[in-house]
C-alpha atoms as a PDB file:
ATOM      1  CA  UNK A   1      64.060  17.095 -21.367  1.00  0.00           C
ATOM      2  CA  UNK A   2      62.005  19.514 -23.145  1.00  0.00           C
ATOM      3  CA  UNK A   3      59.372  21.451 -21.744  1.00  0.00           C
ATOM      4  CA  UNK A   4      56.647  19.662 -23.350  1.00  0.00           C
ATOM      5  CA  UNK A   5      57.871  16.270 -22.237  1.00  0.00           C
ATOM      6  CA  UNK A   6      57.969  18.247 -18.420  1.00  0.00           C
ATOM      7  CA  UNK A   7      54.384  19.308 -18.863  1.00  0.00           C
ATOM      8  CA  UNK A   8      53.146  15.771 -19.587  1.00  0.00           C
ATOM      9  CA  UNK A   9      54.280  14.415 -16.590  1.00  0.00           C
ATOM     10  CA  UNK A  10      53.435  17.702 -13.842  1.00  0.00           C
ATOM     11  CA  UNK A  11      50.508  16.812 -11.498  1.00  0.00           C
ATOM     12  CA  UNK A  12      47.306  19.233 -12.130  1.00  0.00           C
ATOM     13  CA  UNK A  13      48.282  20.774  -8.503  1.00  0.00           C
ATOM     14  CA  UNK A  14      51.898  21.042  -7.492  1.00  0.00           C
ATOM     15  CA  UNK A  15      51.288  20.790  -3.511  1.00  0.00           C
ATOM     16  CA  UNK A  16      54.477  21.661  -1.128  1.00  0.00           C
ATOM     17  CA  UNK A  17      55.135  17.506  -0.615  1.00  0.00           C
ATOM     18  CA  UNK A  18      55.721  18.210  -4.541  1.00  0.00           C
ATOM     19  CA  UNK A  19      58.114  20.825  -4.508  1.00  0.00           C
ATOM     20  CA  UNK A  20      60.255  19.487  -1.440  1.00  0.00           C
ATOM     21  CA  UNK A  21      60.492  16.145  -3.981  1.00  0.00           C
ATOM     22  CA  UNK A  22      61.361  18.584  -7.035  1.00  0.00           C
ATOM     23  CA  UNK A  23      64.289  20.694  -5.141  1.00  0.00           C
ATOM     24  CA  UNK A  24      65.346  17.175  -3.499  1.00  0.00           C
ATOM     25  CA  UNK A  25      65.710  15.684  -6.746  1.00  0.00           C
ATOM     26  CA  UNK A  26      67.420  18.392  -8.557  1.00  0.00           C
ATOM     27  CA  UNK A  27      71.213  17.798  -9.581  1.00  0.00           C
ATOM     28  CA  UNK A  28      71.639  21.168 -10.679  1.00  0.00           C
ATOM     29  CA  UNK A  29      70.604  22.799  -7.598  1.00  0.00           C
ATOM     30  CA  UNK A  30      67.292  25.042  -9.232  1.00  0.00           C
ATOM     31  CA  UNK A  31      65.110  25.998  -5.850  1.00  0.00           C
ATOM     32  CA  UNK A  32      61.587  25.378  -6.847  1.00  0.00           C
ATOM     33  CA  UNK A  33      59.065  27.535  -5.173  1.00  0.00           C
ATOM     34  CA  UNK A  34      55.533  28.103  -5.284  1.00  0.00           C
ATOM     35  CA  UNK A  35      53.163  30.940  -4.445  1.00  0.00           C
ATOM     36  CA  UNK A  36      49.901  30.859  -2.278  1.00  0.00           C
ATOM     37  CA  UNK A  37      47.950  31.047  -5.621  1.00  0.00           C
ATOM     38  CA  UNK A  38      49.902  27.604  -6.679  1.00  0.00           C
ATOM     39  CA  UNK A  39      52.427  29.606  -9.543  1.00  0.00           C
ATOM     40  CA  UNK A  40      55.381  27.188  -9.761  1.00  0.00           C
ATOM     41  CA  UNK A  41      58.424  28.936  -9.869  1.00  0.00           C
ATOM     42  CA  UNK A  42      62.317  27.990 -11.152  1.00  0.00           C
ATOM     43  CA  UNK A  43      65.212  29.613  -9.318  1.00  0.00           C
ATOM     44  CA  UNK A  44      68.861  29.271 -11.206  1.00  0.00           C
ATOM     45  CA  UNK A  45      71.118  28.063  -9.021  1.00  0.00           C
ATOM     46  CA  UNK A  46      73.466  30.615  -6.656  1.00  0.00           C
ATOM     47  CA  UNK A  47      76.433  31.695  -8.029  1.00  0.00           C
ATOM     48  CA  UNK A  48      79.707  32.987  -6.332  1.00  0.00           C
ATOM     49  CA  UNK A  49      78.739  36.421  -6.236  1.00  0.00           C
ATOM     50  CA  UNK A  50      75.241  35.644  -4.668  1.00  0.00           C
ATOM     51  CA  UNK A  51      77.142  33.113  -2.180  1.00  0.00           C
ATOM     52  CA  UNK A  52      79.545  36.124  -1.467  1.00  0.00           C
ATOM     53  CA  UNK A  53      76.772  38.367  -0.507  1.00  0.00           C
ATOM     54  CA  UNK A  54      74.592  35.877   1.628  1.00  0.00           C
ATOM     55  CA  UNK A  55      77.952  34.568   3.435  1.00  0.00           C
ATOM     56  CA  UNK A  56      78.661  38.639   4.392  1.00  0.00           C
ATOM     57  CA  UNK A  57      75.276  38.874   5.866  1.00  0.00           C
ATOM     58  CA  UNK A  58      74.945  35.415   7.446  1.00  0.00           C
ATOM     59  CA  UNK A  59      78.805  36.304   9.226  1.00  0.00           C
ATOM     60  CA  UNK A  60      77.517  39.756  10.228  1.00  0.00           C
ATOM     61  CA  UNK A  61      74.520  38.376  11.918  1.00  0.00           C
ATOM     62  CA  UNK A  62      76.102  35.705  14.010  1.00  0.00           C
ATOM     63  CA  UNK A  63      79.325  37.866  14.685  1.00  0.00           C
ATOM     64  CA  UNK A  64      76.627  40.590  16.486  1.00  0.00           C
ATOM     65  CA  UNK A  65      74.924  37.723  18.323  1.00  0.00           C
ATOM     66  CA  UNK A  66      72.171  35.782  16.676  1.00  0.00           C
ATOM     67  CA  UNK A  67      72.688  32.378  17.496  1.00  0.00           C
ATOM     68  CA  UNK A  68      73.448  30.218  14.459  1.00  0.00           C
ATOM     69  CA  UNK A  69      69.972  27.850  14.859  1.00  0.00           C
ATOM     70  CA  UNK A  70      68.023  31.255  14.233  1.00  0.00           C
ATOM     71  CA  UNK A  71      70.128  32.632  11.012  1.00  0.00           C
ATOM     72  CA  UNK A  72      69.340  30.009   8.249  1.00  0.00           C
ATOM     73  CA  UNK A  73      70.288  30.391   4.790  1.00  0.00           C
ATOM     74  CA  UNK A  74      68.338  28.683   1.907  1.00  0.00           C
ATOM     75  CA  UNK A  75      65.220  26.988   4.477  1.00  0.00           C
ATOM     76  CA  UNK A  76      61.868  26.328   3.281  1.00  0.00           C
ATOM     77  CA  UNK A  77      58.770  29.165   4.580  1.00  0.00           C
ATOM     78  CA  UNK A  78      55.443  28.133   4.198  1.00  0.00           C
ATOM     79  CA  UNK A  79      53.705  31.408   3.384  1.00  0.00           C
ATOM     80  CA  UNK A  80      49.924  31.136   3.975  1.00  0.00           C
ATOM     81  CA  UNK A  81      47.671  32.792   1.555  1.00  0.00           C
ATOM     82  CA  UNK A  82      43.771  32.948   0.842  1.00  0.00           C
ATOM     83  CA  UNK A  83      43.373  30.332  -1.343  1.00  0.00           C
ATOM     84  CA  UNK A  84      46.309  27.832   0.317  1.00  0.00           C
ATOM     85  CA  UNK A  85      50.029  28.115   1.561  1.00  0.00           C
ATOM     86  CA  UNK A  86      52.840  28.580  -0.570  1.00  0.00           C
ATOM     87  CA  UNK A  87      56.777  27.563  -0.088  1.00  0.00           C
ATOM     88  CA  UNK A  88      59.331  30.328  -0.377  1.00  0.00           C
ATOM     89  CA  UNK A  89      63.361  29.389  -0.183  1.00  0.00           C
ATOM     90  CA  UNK A  90      64.616  32.848   0.805  1.00  0.00           C
ATOM     91  CA  UNK A  91      68.623  33.334   0.740  1.00  0.00           C
ATOM     92  CA  UNK A  92      68.820  34.119   4.352  1.00  0.00           C
ATOM     93  CA  UNK A  93      65.869  33.996   7.266  1.00  0.00           C
ATOM     94  CA  UNK A  94      66.103  35.335  11.349  1.00  0.00           C
ATOM     95  CA  UNK A  95      64.000  33.427  13.280  1.00  0.00           C
ATOM     96  CA  UNK A  96      63.247  34.900  17.265  1.00  0.00           C
ATOM     97  CA  UNK A  97      63.881  31.013  18.222  1.00  0.00           C
ATOM     98  CA  UNK A  98      64.899  27.742  15.940  1.00  0.00           C
ATOM     99  CA  UNK A  99      62.257  26.743  13.621  1.00  0.00           C
ATOM    100  CA  UNK A 100      61.177  23.505  13.813  1.00  0.00           C
ATOM    101  CA  UNK A 101      63.134  20.557  12.101  1.00  0.00           C
ATOM    102  CA  UNK A 102      60.198  20.844   9.025  1.00  0.00           C
ATOM    103  CA  UNK A 103      60.951  21.142   5.072  1.00  0.00           C
ATOM    104  CA  UNK A 104      58.200  24.016   5.270  1.00  0.00           C
ATOM    105  CA  UNK A 105      58.432  26.433   8.639  1.00  0.00           C
ATOM    106  CA  UNK A 106      55.705  28.473   9.949  1.00  0.00           C
ATOM    107  CA  UNK A 107      56.123  32.194   9.883  1.00  0.00           C
ATOM    108  CA  UNK A 108      55.116  32.564  13.384  1.00  0.00           C
ATOM    109  CA  UNK A 109      58.559  32.934  14.461  1.00  0.00           C
ATOM    110  CA  UNK A 110      60.833  35.130  11.605  1.00  0.00           C
ATOM    111  CA  UNK A 111      62.363  37.910  12.290  1.00  0.00           C
ATOM    112  CA  UNK A 112      63.489  38.847   8.879  1.00  0.00           C
ATOM    113  CA  UNK A 113      63.807  37.522   5.420  1.00  0.00           C
ATOM    114  CA  UNK A 114      66.463  38.550   2.731  1.00  0.00           C
ATOM    115  CA  UNK A 115      66.186  37.949  -0.629  1.00  0.00           C
ATOM    116  CA  UNK A 116      69.318  38.650  -3.137  1.00  0.00           C
ATOM    117  CA  UNK A 117      68.310  39.662  -6.510  1.00  0.00           C
ATOM    118  CA  UNK A 118      69.653  36.981  -9.399  1.00  0.00           C
ATOM    119  CA  UNK A 119      69.473  37.742 -12.742  1.00  0.00           C
ATOM    120  CA  UNK A 120      65.883  37.595 -14.176  1.00  0.00           C
ATOM    121  CA  UNK A 121      64.508  37.465 -10.356  1.00  0.00           C
ATOM    122  CA  UNK A 122      63.940  41.486 -10.032  1.00  0.00           C
ATOM    123  CA  UNK A 123      60.107  41.137 -10.577  1.00  0.00           C
ATOM    124  CA  UNK A 124      60.163  38.221  -8.067  1.00  0.00           C
ATOM    125  CA  UNK A 125      61.805  39.352  -5.443  1.00  0.00           C
ATOM    126  CA  UNK A 126      60.626  43.345  -5.197  1.00  0.00           C
ATOM    127  CA  UNK A 127      57.162  42.718  -6.297  1.00  0.00           C
ATOM    128  CA  UNK A 128      55.919  39.296  -5.674  1.00  0.00           C
ATOM    129  CA  UNK A 129      57.461  38.028  -2.717  1.00  0.00           C
ATOM    130  CA  UNK A 130      57.520  41.657  -1.361  1.00  0.00           C
ATOM    131  CA  UNK A 131      53.708  41.149  -1.461  1.00  0.00           C
ATOM    132  CA  UNK A 132      53.869  37.483  -0.033  1.00  0.00           C
ATOM    133  CA  UNK A 133      55.558  37.865   3.068  1.00  0.00           C
ATOM    134  CA  UNK A 134      53.807  41.237   4.091  1.00  0.00           C
ATOM    135  CA  UNK A 135      50.581  39.677   3.860  1.00  0.00           C
ATOM    136  CA  UNK A 136      51.854  36.763   5.675  1.00  0.00           C
ATOM    137  CA  UNK A 137      53.044  38.985   8.722  1.00  0.00           C
ATOM    138  CA  UNK A 138      56.897  39.067   8.316  1.00  0.00           C
ATOM    139  CA  UNK A 139      58.108  42.091  10.085  1.00  0.00           C
ATOM    140  CA  UNK A 140      61.084  42.876   7.866  1.00  0.00           C
ATOM    141  CA  UNK A 141      61.970  42.095   4.532  1.00  0.00           C
ATOM    142  CA  UNK A 142      65.691  42.895   2.766  1.00  0.00           C
ATOM    143  CA  UNK A 143      66.080  42.847  -0.956  1.00  0.00           C
ATOM    144  CA  UNK A 144      69.977  42.731  -1.996  1.00  0.00           C
ATOM    145  CA  UNK A 145      70.424  44.379  -5.176  1.00  0.00           C
ATOM    146  CA  UNK A 146      73.412  42.663  -7.448  1.00  0.00           C
ATOM    147  CA  UNK A 147      74.373  46.687  -8.310  1.00  0.00           C
ATOM    148  CA  UNK A 148      78.211  48.086  -8.022  1.00  0.00           C
ATOM    149  CA  UNK A 149      76.986  48.789  -4.533  1.00  0.00           C
ATOM    150  CA  UNK A 150      75.388  45.618  -3.737  1.00  0.00           C
ATOM    151  CA  UNK A 151      72.301  48.137  -2.321  1.00  0.00           C
ATOM    152  CA  UNK A 152      70.321  46.925   0.361  1.00  0.00           C
ATOM    153  CA  UNK A 153      66.696  47.797   0.747  1.00  0.00           C
ATOM    154  CA  UNK A 154      65.126  47.436   4.160  1.00  0.00           C
ATOM    155  CA  UNK A 155      61.337  46.988   3.903  1.00  0.00           C
ATOM    156  CA  UNK A 156      59.209  47.292   7.133  1.00  0.00           C
ATOM    157  CA  UNK A 157      55.225  47.220   7.400  1.00  0.00           C
ATOM    158  CA  UNK A 158      53.517  49.871   6.175  1.00  0.00           C
ATOM    159  CA  UNK A 159      50.268  49.839   7.963  1.00  0.00           C
ATOM    160  CA  UNK A 160      48.227  48.978   4.657  1.00  0.00           C
ATOM    161  CA  UNK A 161      49.012  45.301   4.489  1.00  0.00           C
ATOM    162  CA  UNK A 162      52.167  45.986   2.336  1.00  0.00           C
ATOM    163  CA  UNK A 163      56.181  47.234   3.458  1.00  0.00           C
ATOM    164  CA  UNK A 164      57.313  50.522   3.017  1.00  0.00           C
ATOM    165  CA  UNK A 165      60.774  51.415   2.369  1.00  0.00           C
ATOM    166  CA  UNK A 166      62.444  51.949   5.632  1.00  0.00           C
ATOM    167  CA  UNK A 167      65.860  52.812   4.371  1.00  0.00           C
ATOM    168  CA  UNK A 168      68.321  51.670   1.227  1.00  0.00           C
ATOM    169  CA  UNK A 169      72.018  51.596   2.013  1.00  0.00           C
ATOM    170  CA  UNK A 170      75.674  49.799  -0.016  1.00  0.00           C
ATOM    171  CA  UNK A 171      75.812  46.968   1.877  1.00  0.00           C
ATOM    172  CA  UNK A 172      79.400  47.890   2.875  1.00  0.00           C
ATOM    173  CA  UNK A 173      77.591  50.739   5.008  1.00  0.00           C
ATOM    174  CA  UNK A 174      74.815  47.692   6.457  1.00  0.00           C
ATOM    175  CA  UNK A 175      77.252  45.677   7.717  1.00  0.00           C
ATOM    176  CA  UNK A 176      79.125  48.710   9.446  1.00  0.00           C
ATOM    177  CA  UNK A 177      76.117  48.638  11.772  1.00  0.00           C
ATOM    178  CA  UNK A 178      74.569  46.649  14.333  1.00  0.00           C
ATOM    179  CA  UNK A 179      71.742  44.158  13.278  1.00  0.00           C
ATOM    180  CA  UNK A 180      69.748  45.410  16.334  1.00  0.00           C
ATOM    181  CA  UNK A 181      69.811  48.855  14.691  1.00  0.00           C
ATOM    182  CA  UNK A 182      67.500  47.391  12.257  1.00  0.00           C
ATOM    183  CA  UNK A 183      65.591  44.135  13.965  1.00  0.00           C
ATOM    184  CA  UNK A 184      63.582  43.669  17.009  1.00  0.00           C
ATOM    185  CA  UNK A 185      64.743  40.623  18.483  1.00  0.00           C
END
């Protein structure tokens, strides 16, 4: 289908319900997200390198004792903003307690969001989502680069409503530490 045909059938305002339906209907695994300002984003399906990185972080958290129902992959997060709510689907989320069974979970008990950078999503992950997650009050945000070291940048609140870089290290180094060294339960 052409971009023109899609545009003709797109509603004027895309709601979180619309985005959930788009995610459910996509046969190719794209992720549809929206910012609190109602800007629609389409993310490509994850490739095998992306899946391996996510699996390694997920296993590290589970092996360290985080309950499986509190460490989730690709779950919808409702991101509040001044003019409405957006919906993001982080690669990994860690929760104080299991979120309710909804398509878009509230950020109240969210401890950590991890985004694995895909080709073309660098600005989205390092700037746009960092701003949104910090504004929503999510305590920790990690960005995993797809460079040779799979560099992980750990962000914490900086006191000005933004994140500050707390540490930067290769994924292999991070996985040699304990999650408790980086996260408040």
